[in-house]
Amino acid sequence: MKRFAFINQKGGVGKTTLAINLARALTLQGKRILLIDFDPQANASSGLGVRVNKEKSIYQALVEEDFESFVKEPFKGLFLLPSSIDLVGLEVELVKHPEREKVLRDFLFSVTFKGLPLEKAFDFIFIDSPPSLSLITVNVLVASEGVIIPLQCEYYALEGLSLLVRTVRRVKAAFNPELRLFGMVLTMYDSRNRLSQEVAEEARRHFPWLLFNTVIPRSVRVSEAPSFGKPVLDYVPNHKVSQAFLRLAEEFLRRNA
């Protein structure tokens, strides 16, 4: 499995942080990762220190049907196709498109990097989606094979999860038979907090086949890192949260073997 969607319709759950740092941890394992920022907020782009530029975003890449001119390599082995606020307009434009759900997939299958199809140029392709179940998110799901869901260890975390799972299954049935739920990651976990433990127990009871064993602990360092344009693995390499992402990368590779 090569193409992974990072999805959660709830904002502030650590989705982009998970995508950035899992990608970075995999590059430290020698993998080549393409991270596609398909969220108009462009947090994955700024979190990797890439200045948002409307003329050099995925929206413009889609318009020009060009990939290589727009991709950047902010860290060795980690390649980024940046986003910008212009992506908001794509939602309106897609409504009139005859195959509006497949625009991103068709683009990824048609472009090349260094003369190679993207699936041969990179070990994994990660797609960060907006915090909504919109037409843009549907495009992300149609373009992906596996879905990774961050689950925040907070009171409302499990609310809406059934809707998200149902949406994934509907997209699979209607547009993308390859799609499957690949994994769920507990984020912002505080072992001292009883609520975090209760959310983790609920998730393990309802989704035992889906949940990664590795949990991502709550840390202020995670919030600080994007302001320096770095993954937390580069900002505080020896911190417990960085070590958690390294363990998660190893678990990801084992699960995907």
C-alpha atoms as a PDB file:
ATOM      1  CA  MET A   1       0.000   0.000   0.000  1.00  0.00           C
ATOM      2  CA  LYS A   2       1.477   3.321  -1.131  1.00  0.00           C
ATOM      3  CA  ARG A   3      -1.109   6.107  -0.894  1.00  0.00           C
ATOM      4  CA  PHE A   4      -2.473   7.157   2.506  1.00  0.00           C
ATOM      5  CA  ALA A   5      -5.134   9.698   3.446  1.00  0.00           C
ATOM      6  CA  PHE A   6      -4.955  11.456   6.821  1.00  0.00           C
ATOM      7  CA  ILE A   7      -8.578  12.167   7.672  1.00  0.00           C
ATOM      8  CA  ASN A   8     -10.670  13.563  10.493  1.00  0.00           C
ATOM      9  CA  GLN A   9     -13.566  15.972  10.064  1.00  0.00           C
ATOM     10  CA  LYS A  10     -12.853  17.438  13.501  1.00  0.00           C
ATOM     11  CA  GLY A  11     -10.174  20.130  13.653  1.00  0.00           C
ATOM     12  CA  GLY A  12      -7.397  20.308  16.225  1.00  0.00           C
ATOM     13  CA  VAL A  13      -6.940  16.562  16.645  1.00  0.00           C
ATOM     14  CA  GLY A  14      -3.317  16.425  15.503  1.00  0.00           C
ATOM     15  CA  LYS A  15      -4.001  15.259  11.933  1.00  0.00           C
ATOM     16  CA  THR A  16      -1.427  17.451  10.201  1.00  0.00           C
ATOM     17  CA  THR A  17       1.100  16.929  12.998  1.00  0.00           C
ATOM     18  CA  LEU A  18       0.676  13.190  12.560  1.00  0.00           C
ATOM     19  CA  ALA A  19       1.127  13.376   8.778  1.00  0.00           C
ATOM     20  CA  ILE A  20       4.234  15.571   8.997  1.00  0.00           C
ATOM     21  CA  ASN A  21       5.997  13.662  11.739  1.00  0.00           C
ATOM     22  CA  LEU A  22       5.177  10.155  10.551  1.00  0.00           C
ATOM     23  CA  ALA A  23       6.484  11.187   7.125  1.00  0.00           C
ATOM     24  CA  ARG A  24       9.653  12.605   8.667  1.00  0.00           C
ATOM     25  CA  ALA A  25      10.163   9.526  10.868  1.00  0.00           C
ATOM     26  CA  LEU A  26       9.927   7.316   7.785  1.00  0.00           C
ATOM     27  CA  THR A  27      12.578   9.371   5.982  1.00  0.00           C
ATOM     28  CA  LEU A  28      14.877   8.662   8.933  1.00  0.00           C
ATOM     29  CA  GLN A  29      14.283   4.990   8.102  1.00  0.00           C
ATOM     30  CA  GLY A  30      15.581   5.670   4.607  1.00  0.00           C
ATOM     31  CA  LYS A  31      12.201   6.008   2.887  1.00  0.00           C
ATOM     32  CA  ARG A  32      11.292   8.628   0.269  1.00  0.00           C
ATOM     33  CA  ILE A  33       7.983  10.262   1.171  1.00  0.00           C
ATOM     34  CA  LEU A  34       5.749  12.594  -0.798  1.00  0.00           C
ATOM     35  CA  LEU A  35       3.440  14.669   1.404  1.00  0.00           C
ATOM     36  CA  ILE A  36       0.603  16.350  -0.468  1.00  0.00           C
ATOM     37  CA  ASP A  37      -0.982  19.254   1.378  1.00  0.00           C
ATOM     38  CA  PHE A  38      -4.588  19.178   0.163  1.00  0.00           C
ATOM     39  CA  ASP A  39      -5.929  21.441   2.892  1.00  0.00           C
ATOM     40  CA  PRO A  40      -6.584  25.139   2.041  1.00  0.00           C
ATOM     41  CA  GLN A  41      -5.226  26.088   5.492  1.00  0.00           C
ATOM     42  CA  ALA A  42      -1.809  24.884   4.262  1.00  0.00           C
ATOM     43  CA  ASN A  43      -0.663  23.896   7.754  1.00  0.00           C
ATOM     44  CA  ALA A  44       1.426  20.991   6.490  1.00  0.00           C
ATOM     45  CA  SER A  45       3.271  23.401   4.201  1.00  0.00           C
ATOM     46  CA  SER A  46       4.010  26.016   6.870  1.00  0.00           C
ATOM     47  CA  GLY A  47       4.790  23.278   9.405  1.00  0.00           C
ATOM     48  CA  LEU A  48       7.628  22.156   7.137  1.00  0.00           C
ATOM     49  CA  GLY A  49       8.942  25.683   6.759  1.00  0.00           C
ATOM     50  CA  VAL A  50       7.591  26.170   3.229  1.00  0.00           C
ATOM     51  CA  ARG A  51       6.250  29.645   2.612  1.00  0.00           C
ATOM     52  CA  VAL A  52       2.759  29.552   1.124  1.00  0.00           C
ATOM     53  CA  ASN A  53       2.830  30.842  -2.453  1.00  0.00           C
ATOM     54  CA  LYS A  54      -0.355  30.869  -4.541  1.00  0.00           C
ATOM     55  CA  GLU A  55       1.651  30.504  -7.738  1.00  0.00           C
ATOM     56  CA  LYS A  56       3.435  27.400  -6.437  1.00  0.00           C
ATOM     57  CA  SER A  57       0.616  25.446  -4.809  1.00  0.00           C
ATOM     58  CA  ILE A  58      -1.180  22.214  -5.612  1.00  0.00           C
ATOM     59  CA  TYR A  59      -4.076  24.239  -6.995  1.00  0.00           C
ATOM     60  CA  GLN A  60      -1.825  25.717  -9.671  1.00  0.00           C
ATOM     61  CA  ALA A  61      -0.256  22.300 -10.260  1.00  0.00           C
ATOM     62  CA  LEU A  62      -3.714  20.864 -10.969  1.00  0.00           C
ATOM     63  CA  VAL A  63      -4.487  23.723 -13.364  1.00  0.00           C
ATOM     64  CA  GLU A  64      -1.219  23.311 -15.253  1.00  0.00           C
ATOM     65  CA  GLU A  65      -1.244  19.497 -14.982  1.00  0.00           C
ATOM     66  CA  ASP A  66       2.350  19.684 -13.809  1.00  0.00           C
ATOM     67  CA  PHE A  67       3.948  18.146 -10.724  1.00  0.00           C
ATOM     68  CA  GLU A  68       7.713  18.442 -10.855  1.00  0.00           C
ATOM     69  CA  SER A  69       7.793  22.239 -11.085  1.00  0.00           C
ATOM     70  CA  PHE A  70       5.815  22.580  -7.877  1.00  0.00           C
ATOM     71  CA  VAL A  71       7.255  19.942  -5.539  1.00  0.00           C
ATOM     72  CA  LYS A  72       9.783  20.918  -2.838  1.00  0.00           C
ATOM     73  CA  GLU A  73      12.147  18.941  -0.587  1.00  0.00           C
ATOM     74  CA  PRO A  74      12.189  20.761   2.781  1.00  0.00           C
ATOM     75  CA  PHE A  75      13.966  17.821   4.475  1.00  0.00           C
ATOM     76  CA  LYS A  76      16.097  15.089   2.948  1.00  0.00           C
ATOM     77  CA  GLY A  77      13.834  12.405   1.538  1.00  0.00           C
ATOM     78  CA  LEU A  78      10.669  14.314   2.447  1.00  0.00           C
ATOM     79  CA  PHE A  79       9.052  15.938  -0.570  1.00  0.00           C
ATOM     80  CA  LEU A  80       6.108  18.330  -0.347  1.00  0.00           C
ATOM     81  CA  LEU A  81       3.462  19.475  -2.790  1.00  0.00           C
ATOM     82  CA  PRO A  82       2.346  22.666  -0.968  1.00  0.00           C
ATOM     83  CA  SER A  83      -1.140  24.081  -0.615  1.00  0.00           C
ATOM     84  CA  SER A  84      -2.604  27.584  -0.498  1.00  0.00           C
ATOM     85  CA  ILE A  85      -5.908  29.320   0.221  1.00  0.00           C
ATOM     86  CA  ASP A  86      -6.682  29.122  -3.516  1.00  0.00           C
ATOM     87  CA  LEU A  87      -7.678  25.515  -2.920  1.00  0.00           C
ATOM     88  CA  VAL A  88     -10.939  26.832  -1.449  1.00  0.00           C
ATOM     89  CA  GLY A  89     -12.010  27.736  -4.984  1.00  0.00           C
ATOM     90  CA  LEU A  90     -11.487  24.162  -6.125  1.00  0.00           C
ATOM     91  CA  GLU A  91     -14.586  23.071  -4.221  1.00  0.00           C
ATOM     92  CA  VAL A  92     -16.774  25.326  -6.362  1.00  0.00           C
ATOM     93  CA  GLU A  93     -15.043  24.334  -9.583  1.00  0.00           C
ATOM     94  CA  LEU A  94     -15.351  20.620  -8.851  1.00  0.00           C
ATOM     95  CA  VAL A  95     -19.159  20.805  -8.716  1.00  0.00           C
ATOM     96  CA  LYS A  96     -19.298  21.291 -12.493  1.00  0.00           C
ATOM     97  CA  HIS A  97     -16.598  18.718 -13.267  1.00  0.00           C
ATOM     98  CA  PRO A  98     -17.997  15.509 -14.872  1.00  0.00           C
ATOM     99  CA  GLU A  99     -15.812  13.269 -12.676  1.00  0.00           C
ATOM    100  CA  ARG A 100     -15.380  15.609  -9.749  1.00  0.00           C
ATOM    101  CA  GLU A 101     -14.539  12.888  -7.217  1.00  0.00           C
ATOM    102  CA  LYS A 102     -11.557  11.652  -9.252  1.00  0.00           C
ATOM    103  CA  VAL A 103      -9.688  14.865 -10.097  1.00  0.00           C
ATOM    104  CA  LEU A 104      -6.848  14.375  -7.589  1.00  0.00           C
ATOM    105  CA  ARG A 105      -6.480  10.666  -8.378  1.00  0.00           C
ATOM    106  CA  ASP A 106      -6.331  11.271 -12.121  1.00  0.00           C
ATOM    107  CA  PHE A 107      -3.723  13.994 -11.573  1.00  0.00           C
ATOM    108  CA  LEU A 108      -1.494  11.758  -9.431  1.00  0.00           C
ATOM    109  CA  PHE A 109      -1.709   8.932 -11.952  1.00  0.00           C
ATOM    110  CA  SER A 110      -0.874  11.191 -14.904  1.00  0.00           C
ATOM    111  CA  VAL A 111       2.196  13.105 -13.664  1.00  0.00           C
ATOM    112  CA  THR A 112       5.804  11.976 -13.188  1.00  0.00           C
ATOM    113  CA  PHE A 113       8.837  12.861 -11.051  1.00  0.00           C
ATOM    114  CA  LYS A 114      12.352  12.451 -12.478  1.00  0.00           C
ATOM    115  CA  GLY A 115      10.771  10.506 -15.335  1.00  0.00           C
ATOM    116  CA  LEU A 116       9.061   8.008 -13.032  1.00  0.00           C
ATOM    117  CA  PRO A 117       5.397   7.521 -12.066  1.00  0.00           C
ATOM    118  CA  LEU A 118       4.875   8.850  -8.539  1.00  0.00           C
ATOM    119  CA  GLU A 119       4.382   5.388  -7.050  1.00  0.00           C
ATOM    120  CA  LYS A 120       7.845   4.399  -8.287  1.00  0.00           C
ATOM    121  CA  ALA A 121       9.492   7.710  -7.418  1.00  0.00           C
ATOM    122  CA  PHE A 122       8.369   7.551  -3.754  1.00  0.00           C
ATOM    123  CA  ASP A 123       8.008   4.798  -1.177  1.00  0.00           C
ATOM    124  CA  PHE A 124       4.838   6.334   0.245  1.00  0.00           C
ATOM    125  CA  ILE A 125       2.462   9.147  -0.662  1.00  0.00           C
ATOM    126  CA  PHE A 126       0.703  10.891   2.256  1.00  0.00           C
ATOM    127  CA  ILE A 127      -2.229  13.231   1.635  1.00  0.00           C
ATOM    128  CA  ASP A 128      -3.280  15.687   4.335  1.00  0.00           C
ATOM    129  CA  SER A 129      -6.966  16.596   4.042  1.00  0.00           C
ATOM    130  CA  PRO A 130      -9.061  19.484   5.382  1.00  0.00           C
ATOM    131  CA  PRO A 131     -10.948  19.013   8.682  1.00  0.00           C
ATOM    132  CA  SER A 132     -14.309  18.409   6.976  1.00  0.00           C
ATOM    133  CA  LEU A 133     -16.162  15.787   4.956  1.00  0.00           C
ATOM    134  CA  SER A 134     -16.207  17.901   1.797  1.00  0.00           C
ATOM    135  CA  LEU A 135     -15.762  17.198  -1.896  1.00  0.00           C
ATOM    136  CA  ILE A 136     -12.048  17.924  -1.431  1.00  0.00           C
ATOM    137  CA  THR A 137     -11.919  15.215   1.248  1.00  0.00           C
ATOM    138  CA  VAL A 138     -13.745  12.790  -1.034  1.00  0.00           C
ATOM    139  CA  ASN A 139     -11.044  13.463  -3.659  1.00  0.00           C
ATOM    140  CA  VAL A 140      -8.397  12.566  -1.077  1.00  0.00           C
ATOM    141  CA  LEU A 141     -10.177   9.287  -0.290  1.00  0.00           C
ATOM    142  CA  VAL A 142     -10.627   8.378  -3.950  1.00  0.00           C
ATOM    143  CA  ALA A 143      -6.896   9.017  -4.556  1.00  0.00           C
ATOM    144  CA  SER A 144      -5.801   6.860  -1.601  1.00  0.00           C
ATOM    145  CA  GLU A 145      -5.516   3.200  -0.698  1.00  0.00           C
ATOM    146  CA  GLY A 146      -5.296   3.442   3.082  1.00  0.00           C
ATOM    147  CA  VAL A 147      -6.925   5.759   5.620  1.00  0.00           C
ATOM    148  CA  ILE A 148      -5.149   6.837   8.802  1.00  0.00           C
ATOM    149  CA  ILE A 149      -7.345   8.488  11.432  1.00  0.00           C
ATOM    150  CA  PRO A 150      -5.923  10.529  14.322  1.00  0.00           C
ATOM    151  CA  LEU A 151      -8.046  10.178  17.459  1.00  0.00           C
ATOM    152  CA  GLN A 152      -7.609  12.917  20.041  1.00  0.00           C
ATOM    153  CA  CYS A 153      -7.813  11.716  23.649  1.00  0.00           C
ATOM    154  CA  GLU A 154     -10.587  14.156  24.555  1.00  0.00           C
ATOM    155  CA  TYR A 155     -14.277  13.972  25.451  1.00  0.00           C
ATOM    156  CA  TYR A 156     -15.717  14.537  21.959  1.00  0.00           C
ATOM    157  CA  ALA A 157     -13.147  12.366  20.174  1.00  0.00           C
ATOM    158  CA  LEU A 158     -15.395   9.369  19.499  1.00  0.00           C
ATOM    159  CA  GLU A 159     -18.326  11.516  18.425  1.00  0.00           C
ATOM    160  CA  GLY A 160     -18.544  11.631  14.663  1.00  0.00           C
ATOM    161  CA  LEU A 161     -16.145   8.716  14.245  1.00  0.00           C
ATOM    162  CA  SER A 162     -18.920   6.432  13.049  1.00  0.00           C
ATOM    163  CA  LEU A 163     -19.862   9.047  10.410  1.00  0.00           C
ATOM    164  CA  LEU A 164     -16.250   9.189   9.251  1.00  0.00           C
ATOM    165  CA  VAL A 165     -16.006   5.398   9.006  1.00  0.00           C
ATOM    166  CA  ARG A 166     -19.321   5.295   7.141  1.00  0.00           C
ATOM    167  CA  THR A 167     -18.064   7.937   4.694  1.00  0.00           C
ATOM    168  CA  VAL A 168     -14.922   5.896   3.998  1.00  0.00           C
ATOM    169  CA  ARG A 169     -17.045   2.816   3.306  1.00  0.00           C
ATOM    170  CA  ARG A 170     -19.359   4.741   0.975  1.00  0.00           C
ATOM    171  CA  VAL A 171     -16.425   6.128  -1.007  1.00  0.00           C
ATOM    172  CA  LYS A 172     -14.996   2.607  -1.216  1.00  0.00           C
ATOM    173  CA  ALA A 173     -18.286   1.216  -2.525  1.00  0.00           C
ATOM    174  CA  ALA A 174     -18.949   4.023  -5.003  1.00  0.00           C
ATOM    175  CA  PHE A 175     -15.567   5.159  -6.305  1.00  0.00           C
ATOM    176  CA  ASN A 176     -12.538   3.322  -4.923  1.00  0.00           C
ATOM    177  CA  PRO A 177     -12.677  -0.414  -4.202  1.00  0.00           C
ATOM    178  CA  GLU A 178      -8.966  -0.327  -3.188  1.00  0.00           C
ATOM    179  CA  LEU A 179      -9.689   1.910  -0.189  1.00  0.00           C
ATOM    180  CA  ARG A 180      -9.546   0.511   3.313  1.00  0.00           C
ATOM    181  CA  LEU A 181      -9.187   1.708   6.877  1.00  0.00           C
ATOM    182  CA  PHE A 182      -5.501   1.229   7.637  1.00  0.00           C
ATOM    183  CA  GLY A 183      -5.072   2.534  11.149  1.00  0.00           C
ATOM    184  CA  MET A 184      -6.112   4.824  13.966  1.00  0.00           C
ATOM    185  CA  VAL A 185      -3.598   6.710  16.117  1.00  0.00           C
ATOM    186  CA  LEU A 186      -4.287   8.054  19.596  1.00  0.00           C
ATOM    187  CA  THR A 187      -2.952  11.628  19.790  1.00  0.00           C
ATOM    188  CA  MET A 188      -2.524  14.140  22.634  1.00  0.00           C
ATOM    189  CA  TYR A 189      -2.479  11.310  25.160  1.00  0.00           C
ATOM    190  CA  ASP A 190      -1.865  12.274  28.798  1.00  0.00           C
ATOM    191  CA  SER A 191      -1.244   9.243  31.011  1.00  0.00           C
ATOM    192  CA  ARG A 192      -2.003  11.342  34.110  1.00  0.00           C
ATOM    193  CA  ASN A 193      -5.443  12.196  32.789  1.00  0.00           C
ATOM    194  CA  ARG A 194      -8.222   9.707  33.483  1.00  0.00           C
ATOM    195  CA  LEU A 195     -10.174  10.958  30.468  1.00  0.00           C
ATOM    196  CA  SER A 196      -7.288  10.086  28.130  1.00  0.00           C
ATOM    197  CA  GLN A 197      -7.240   6.572  29.547  1.00  0.00           C
ATOM    198  CA  GLU A 198     -11.012   6.218  29.145  1.00  0.00           C
ATOM    199  CA  VAL A 199     -10.927   7.372  25.496  1.00  0.00           C
ATOM    200  CA  ALA A 200      -8.085   4.927  24.803  1.00  0.00           C
ATOM    201  CA  GLU A 201     -10.042   2.079  26.399  1.00  0.00           C
ATOM    202  CA  GLU A 202     -13.161   2.932  24.387  1.00  0.00           C
ATOM    203  CA  ALA A 203     -11.170   3.048  21.149  1.00  0.00           C
ATOM    204  CA  ARG A 204      -9.558  -0.319  21.894  1.00  0.00           C
ATOM    205  CA  ARG A 205     -12.938  -1.837  22.673  1.00  0.00           C
ATOM    206  CA  HIS A 206     -14.617  -0.597  19.481  1.00  0.00           C
ATOM    207  CA  PHE A 207     -11.673  -0.631  17.019  1.00  0.00           C
ATOM    208  CA  PRO A 208      -9.180  -3.249  18.270  1.00  0.00           C
ATOM    209  CA  TRP A 209      -8.121  -4.225  14.737  1.00  0.00           C
ATOM    210  CA  LEU A 210      -7.553  -0.616  13.713  1.00  0.00           C
ATOM    211  CA  LEU A 211      -5.725   1.024  16.617  1.00  0.00           C
ATOM    212  CA  PHE A 212      -1.925   1.401  16.522  1.00  0.00           C
ATOM    213  CA  ASN A 213      -0.196   0.319  19.719  1.00  0.00           C
ATOM    214  CA  THR A 214       1.928   3.479  19.716  1.00  0.00           C
ATOM    215  CA  VAL A 215       0.248   6.539  21.246  1.00  0.00           C
ATOM    216  CA  ILE A 216       1.393  10.115  20.717  1.00  0.00           C
ATOM    217  CA  PRO A 217       1.719  11.915  24.063  1.00  0.00           C
ATOM    218  CA  ARG A 218       0.531  15.448  24.685  1.00  0.00           C
ATOM    219  CA  SER A 219       3.413  17.927  24.652  1.00  0.00           C
ATOM    220  CA  VAL A 220       3.822  21.670  24.253  1.00  0.00           C
ATOM    221  CA  ARG A 221       6.828  20.898  22.015  1.00  0.00           C
ATOM    222  CA  VAL A 222       4.429  19.609  19.352  1.00  0.00           C
ATOM    223  CA  SER A 223       2.694  22.995  19.316  1.00  0.00           C
ATOM    224  CA  GLU A 224       5.996  24.896  19.205  1.00  0.00           C
ATOM    225  CA  ALA A 225       7.641  22.998  16.349  1.00  0.00           C
ATOM    226  CA  PRO A 226       5.511  24.388  13.444  1.00  0.00           C
ATOM    227  CA  SER A 227       6.401  27.967  14.397  1.00  0.00           C
ATOM    228  CA  PHE A 228      10.031  27.018  13.645  1.00  0.00           C
ATOM    229  CA  GLY A 229       9.023  25.322  10.382  1.00  0.00           C
ATOM    230  CA  LYS A 230      10.223  21.936  11.634  1.00  0.00           C
ATOM    231  CA  PRO A 231       8.794  18.521  12.435  1.00  0.00           C
ATOM    232  CA  VAL A 232       9.032  17.838  16.156  1.00  0.00           C
ATOM    233  CA  LEU A 233      11.622  15.159  15.289  1.00  0.00           C
ATOM    234  CA  ASP A 234      13.994  17.916  14.153  1.00  0.00           C
ATOM    235  CA  TYR A 235      12.942  20.450  16.768  1.00  0.00           C
ATOM    236  CA  VAL A 236      13.483  18.180  19.800  1.00  0.00           C
ATOM    237  CA  PRO A 237      14.947  14.900  18.501  1.00  0.00           C
ATOM    238  CA  ASN A 238      15.352  13.223  21.893  1.00  0.00           C
ATOM    239  CA  HIS A 239      11.987  14.242  23.334  1.00  0.00           C
ATOM    240  CA  LYS A 240       9.471  11.542  24.282  1.00  0.00           C
ATOM    241  CA  VAL A 241       7.056  12.666  21.558  1.00  0.00           C
ATOM    242  CA  SER A 242       9.784  12.369  18.903  1.00  0.00           C
ATOM    243  CA  GLN A 243      10.586   8.882  20.126  1.00  0.00           C
ATOM    244  CA  ALA A 244       6.883   8.028  19.898  1.00  0.00           C
ATOM    245  CA  PHE A 245       6.792   9.041  16.230  1.00  0.00           C
ATOM    246  CA  LEU A 246       9.854   6.880  15.542  1.00  0.00           C
ATOM    247  CA  ARG A 247       8.101   3.886  17.140  1.00  0.00           C
ATOM    248  CA  LEU A 248       4.975   4.676  15.142  1.00  0.00           C
ATOM    249  CA  ALA A 249       6.999   4.652  11.898  1.00  0.00           C
ATOM    250  CA  GLU A 250       8.359   1.212  12.750  1.00  0.00           C
ATOM    251  CA  GLU A 251       4.861  -0.052  13.530  1.00  0.00           C
ATOM    252  CA  PHE A 252       3.554   1.506  10.295  1.00  0.00           C
ATOM    253  CA  LEU A 253       6.196  -0.363   8.257  1.00  0.00           C
ATOM    254  CA  ARG A 254       5.464  -3.662  10.007  1.00  0.00           C
ATOM    255  CA  ARG A 255       1.734  -3.266   9.453  1.00  0.00           C
ATOM    256  CA  ASN A 256       2.228  -2.374   5.809  1.00  0.00           C
ATOM    257  CA  ALA A 257       4.711  -5.196   5.110  1.00  0.00           C
END
